[in-house]
């Protein structure tokens, strides 16, 4: 298990300790929970269940048709 050293000013250190105490966990567990919550790489399950939920949402081709034409581009 890795260890991390962080530097906090006095105000934030007090806030961190108070938050951990209110949650009933050690400071290290509180920080680990925060990292787990904020640094995930997959969508939460409730968001994944929304895929396809809007049946009348236009498909990509329909969306592209409303975009208009690209401007002519000059070769470099």
N, C-alpha and C. Protein backbone atom coordinates (compact mmCIF):
# COMPACT_ATOMS: atom_id res chain seq x y z
N UNK A 1 0.85 -1.17 0.00
CA UNK A 1 0.00 0.00 0.00
C UNK A 1 0.90 1.23 0.00
N UNK A 2 0.58 2.18 -0.87
CA UNK A 2 1.39 3.38 -0.98
C UNK A 2 1.11 4.38 0.13
N UNK A 3 2.06 5.24 0.33
CA UNK A 3 1.91 6.33 1.29
C UNK A 3 2.11 7.64 0.56
N UNK A 4 1.39 8.66 0.99
CA UNK A 4 1.45 9.97 0.36
C UNK A 4 1.64 11.02 1.45
N UNK A 5 2.49 11.96 1.19
CA UNK A 5 2.66 13.09 2.10
C UNK A 5 2.03 14.31 1.45
N UNK A 6 1.17 15.00 2.20
CA UNK A 6 0.58 16.23 1.69
C UNK A 6 0.86 17.35 2.68
N UNK A 7 0.92 18.54 2.17
CA UNK A 7 1.17 19.70 3.00
C UNK A 7 -0.07 20.58 2.97
N UNK A 8 -0.59 20.90 4.15
CA UNK A 8 -1.78 21.73 4.28
C UNK A 8 -1.50 22.91 5.19
N UNK A 9 -2.15 24.02 4.89
CA UNK A 9 -2.04 25.13 5.84
C UNK A 9 -2.88 24.76 7.07
N UNK A 10 -2.72 25.51 8.14
CA UNK A 10 -3.37 25.19 9.41
C UNK A 10 -4.89 25.12 9.27
N UNK A 11 -5.46 26.05 8.53
CA UNK A 11 -6.92 26.10 8.36
C UNK A 11 -7.43 24.82 7.70
N UNK A 12 -6.78 24.39 6.63
CA UNK A 12 -7.23 23.19 5.92
C UNK A 12 -6.95 21.92 6.71
N UNK A 13 -5.90 21.92 7.47
CA UNK A 13 -5.63 20.76 8.32
C UNK A 13 -6.74 20.59 9.35
N UNK A 14 -7.17 21.68 9.95
CA UNK A 14 -8.27 21.62 10.93
C UNK A 14 -9.56 21.17 10.25
N UNK A 15 -9.81 21.66 9.04
CA UNK A 15 -11.01 21.25 8.32
C UNK A 15 -10.97 19.76 7.98
N UNK A 16 -9.81 19.28 7.56
CA UNK A 16 -9.64 17.86 7.25
C UNK A 16 -9.90 17.00 8.47
N UNK A 17 -9.30 17.35 9.58
CA UNK A 17 -9.48 16.58 10.81
C UNK A 17 -10.93 16.60 11.28
N UNK A 18 -11.58 17.74 11.16
CA UNK A 18 -12.99 17.84 11.56
C UNK A 18 -13.88 16.99 10.65
N UNK A 19 -13.60 17.00 9.36
CA UNK A 19 -14.39 16.21 8.42
C UNK A 19 -14.21 14.71 8.69
N UNK A 20 -12.98 14.29 8.95
CA UNK A 20 -12.71 12.89 9.23
C UNK A 20 -13.40 12.47 10.54
N UNK A 21 -13.33 13.32 11.53
CA UNK A 21 -13.97 13.03 12.82
C UNK A 21 -15.48 12.93 12.64
N UNK A 22 -16.07 13.85 11.88
CA UNK A 22 -17.52 13.83 11.65
C UNK A 22 -17.93 12.56 10.91
N UNK A 23 -17.06 12.07 10.03
CA UNK A 23 -17.36 10.85 9.27
C UNK A 23 -17.05 9.59 10.09
N UNK A 24 -16.37 9.77 11.22
CA UNK A 24 -16.05 8.64 12.09
C UNK A 24 -14.96 7.74 11.54
N UNK A 25 -14.04 8.34 10.78
CA UNK A 25 -12.95 7.56 10.20
C UNK A 25 -11.63 8.28 10.46
N UNK A 26 -10.51 7.54 10.41
CA UNK A 26 -9.21 8.20 10.52
C UNK A 26 -8.99 9.14 9.33
N UNK A 27 -8.11 10.11 9.53
CA UNK A 27 -7.81 11.07 8.47
C UNK A 27 -7.35 10.36 7.20
N UNK A 28 -6.49 9.35 7.33
CA UNK A 28 -5.98 8.66 6.15
C UNK A 28 -7.12 7.97 5.39
N UNK A 29 -8.09 7.38 6.09
CA UNK A 29 -9.22 6.72 5.42
C UNK A 29 -10.09 7.75 4.74
N UNK A 30 -10.29 8.93 5.39
CA UNK A 30 -11.11 9.99 4.81
C UNK A 30 -10.49 10.47 3.50
N UNK A 31 -9.18 10.67 3.49
CA UNK A 31 -8.50 11.12 2.27
C UNK A 31 -8.56 10.02 1.22
N UNK A 32 -8.35 8.76 1.62
CA UNK A 32 -8.41 7.64 0.67
C UNK A 32 -9.80 7.55 0.05
N UNK A 33 -10.84 7.75 0.84
CA UNK A 33 -12.21 7.73 0.31
C UNK A 33 -12.42 8.86 -0.69
N UNK A 34 -11.87 10.02 -0.40
CA UNK A 34 -12.00 11.16 -1.30
C UNK A 34 -11.30 10.87 -2.63
N UNK A 35 -10.11 10.30 -2.58
CA UNK A 35 -9.38 9.96 -3.80
C UNK A 35 -10.17 8.92 -4.60
N UNK A 36 -10.70 7.92 -3.91
CA UNK A 36 -11.48 6.89 -4.59
C UNK A 36 -12.71 7.49 -5.29
N UNK A 37 -13.35 8.42 -4.61
CA UNK A 37 -14.56 9.06 -5.16
C UNK A 37 -14.24 9.95 -6.36
N UNK A 38 -13.16 10.71 -6.28
CA UNK A 38 -12.87 11.73 -7.28
C UNK A 38 -11.97 11.27 -8.42
N UNK A 39 -11.22 10.19 -8.25
CA UNK A 39 -10.23 9.81 -9.25
C UNK A 39 -10.60 8.53 -9.98
N UNK A 40 -11.87 8.18 -10.01
CA UNK A 40 -12.27 6.95 -10.70
C UNK A 40 -12.20 7.15 -12.21
N UNK A 41 -12.12 6.06 -12.94
CA UNK A 41 -11.96 6.14 -14.39
C UNK A 41 -13.15 5.54 -15.14
N UNK A 42 -14.20 5.19 -14.42
CA UNK A 42 -15.40 4.67 -15.07
C UNK A 42 -16.59 5.49 -14.62
N UNK A 43 -17.64 5.50 -15.45
CA UNK A 43 -18.85 6.22 -15.09
C UNK A 43 -19.55 5.49 -13.95
N UNK A 44 -20.18 6.24 -13.05
CA UNK A 44 -20.97 5.59 -12.00
C UNK A 44 -22.13 4.79 -12.62
N UNK A 45 -22.56 3.72 -11.96
CA UNK A 45 -23.61 2.84 -12.47
C UNK A 45 -24.90 3.60 -12.82
N UNK A 46 -25.35 4.56 -12.00
CA UNK A 46 -26.58 5.27 -12.39
C UNK A 46 -26.44 6.02 -13.73
N UNK A 47 -25.25 6.51 -14.02
CA UNK A 47 -25.03 7.19 -15.30
C UNK A 47 -25.03 6.17 -16.43
N UNK A 48 -24.41 5.03 -16.24
CA UNK A 48 -24.37 3.99 -17.27
C UNK A 48 -25.78 3.50 -17.61
N UNK A 49 -26.66 3.43 -16.62
CA UNK A 49 -28.03 2.98 -16.88
C UNK A 49 -28.80 3.98 -17.73
N UNK A 50 -28.35 5.22 -17.82
CA UNK A 50 -29.04 6.22 -18.62
C UNK A 50 -28.78 6.06 -20.12
N UNK A 51 -27.77 5.29 -20.48
CA UNK A 51 -27.45 5.11 -21.91
C UNK A 51 -28.67 4.58 -22.65
N UNK A 52 -29.10 5.31 -23.67
CA UNK A 52 -30.26 4.91 -24.47
C UNK A 52 -31.59 5.27 -23.86
N UNK A 53 -31.59 5.99 -22.74
CA UNK A 53 -32.84 6.31 -22.05
C UNK A 53 -33.69 7.31 -22.82
N UNK A 54 -33.09 8.14 -23.65
CA UNK A 54 -33.83 9.13 -24.42
C UNK A 54 -34.10 8.56 -25.81
N UNK A 55 -35.25 7.96 -25.99
CA UNK A 55 -35.59 7.30 -27.24
C UNK A 55 -35.71 8.27 -28.40
N UNK A 56 -36.09 9.51 -28.14
CA UNK A 56 -36.28 10.48 -29.23
C UNK A 56 -35.05 11.35 -29.46
N UNK A 57 -33.91 10.98 -28.86
CA UNK A 57 -32.68 11.75 -29.05
C UNK A 57 -32.18 11.50 -30.47
N UNK A 58 -31.84 12.56 -31.22
CA UNK A 58 -31.43 12.36 -32.61
C UNK A 58 -30.11 11.60 -32.72
N UNK A 59 -29.99 10.83 -33.81
CA UNK A 59 -28.74 10.10 -34.03
C UNK A 59 -27.69 11.06 -34.58
N UNK A 60 -26.48 10.58 -34.69
CA UNK A 60 -25.36 11.41 -35.09
C UNK A 60 -25.56 12.03 -36.47
N UNK A 61 -26.06 11.26 -37.41
CA UNK A 61 -26.26 11.79 -38.76
C UNK A 61 -27.27 12.94 -38.76
N UNK A 62 -28.32 12.82 -37.98
CA UNK A 62 -29.32 13.89 -37.89
C UNK A 62 -28.71 15.15 -37.29
N UNK A 63 -27.92 14.98 -36.28
CA UNK A 63 -27.26 16.12 -35.65
C UNK A 63 -26.33 16.80 -36.64
N UNK A 64 -25.56 16.01 -37.38
CA UNK A 64 -24.60 16.58 -38.34
C UNK A 64 -25.30 17.34 -39.46
N UNK A 65 -26.48 16.92 -39.87
CA UNK A 65 -27.21 17.60 -40.93
C UNK A 65 -27.58 19.03 -40.54
N UNK A 66 -27.74 19.29 -39.26
CA UNK A 66 -28.15 20.62 -38.80
C UNK A 66 -26.96 21.54 -38.56
N UNK A 67 -25.76 21.03 -38.70
CA UNK A 67 -24.57 21.82 -38.41
C UNK A 67 -24.20 22.81 -39.51
N UNK A 68 -24.66 22.62 -40.71
CA UNK A 68 -24.25 23.51 -41.79
C UNK A 68 -22.98 22.99 -42.44
N UNK A 69 -22.53 23.70 -43.46
CA UNK A 69 -21.34 23.27 -44.20
C UNK A 69 -20.09 23.90 -43.60
N UNK A 70 -19.01 23.15 -43.70
CA UNK A 70 -17.72 23.70 -43.30
C UNK A 70 -17.28 24.77 -44.29
N UNK A 71 -16.51 25.70 -43.82
CA UNK A 71 -15.93 26.70 -44.71
C UNK A 71 -14.86 26.05 -45.59
N UNK A 72 -14.65 26.62 -46.75
CA UNK A 72 -13.58 26.11 -47.61
C UNK A 72 -12.25 26.33 -46.92
N UNK A 73 -11.38 25.38 -47.04
CA UNK A 73 -10.08 25.48 -46.37
C UNK A 73 -8.99 25.67 -47.40
N UNK A 74 -8.02 26.44 -47.02
CA UNK A 74 -6.88 26.67 -47.91
C UNK A 74 -5.79 25.68 -47.58
N UNK A 75 -5.13 25.19 -48.59
CA UNK A 75 -4.02 24.28 -48.38
C UNK A 75 -2.84 25.07 -47.82
N UNK A 76 -2.12 24.50 -46.94
CA UNK A 76 -0.93 25.15 -46.38
C UNK A 76 0.30 24.86 -47.18
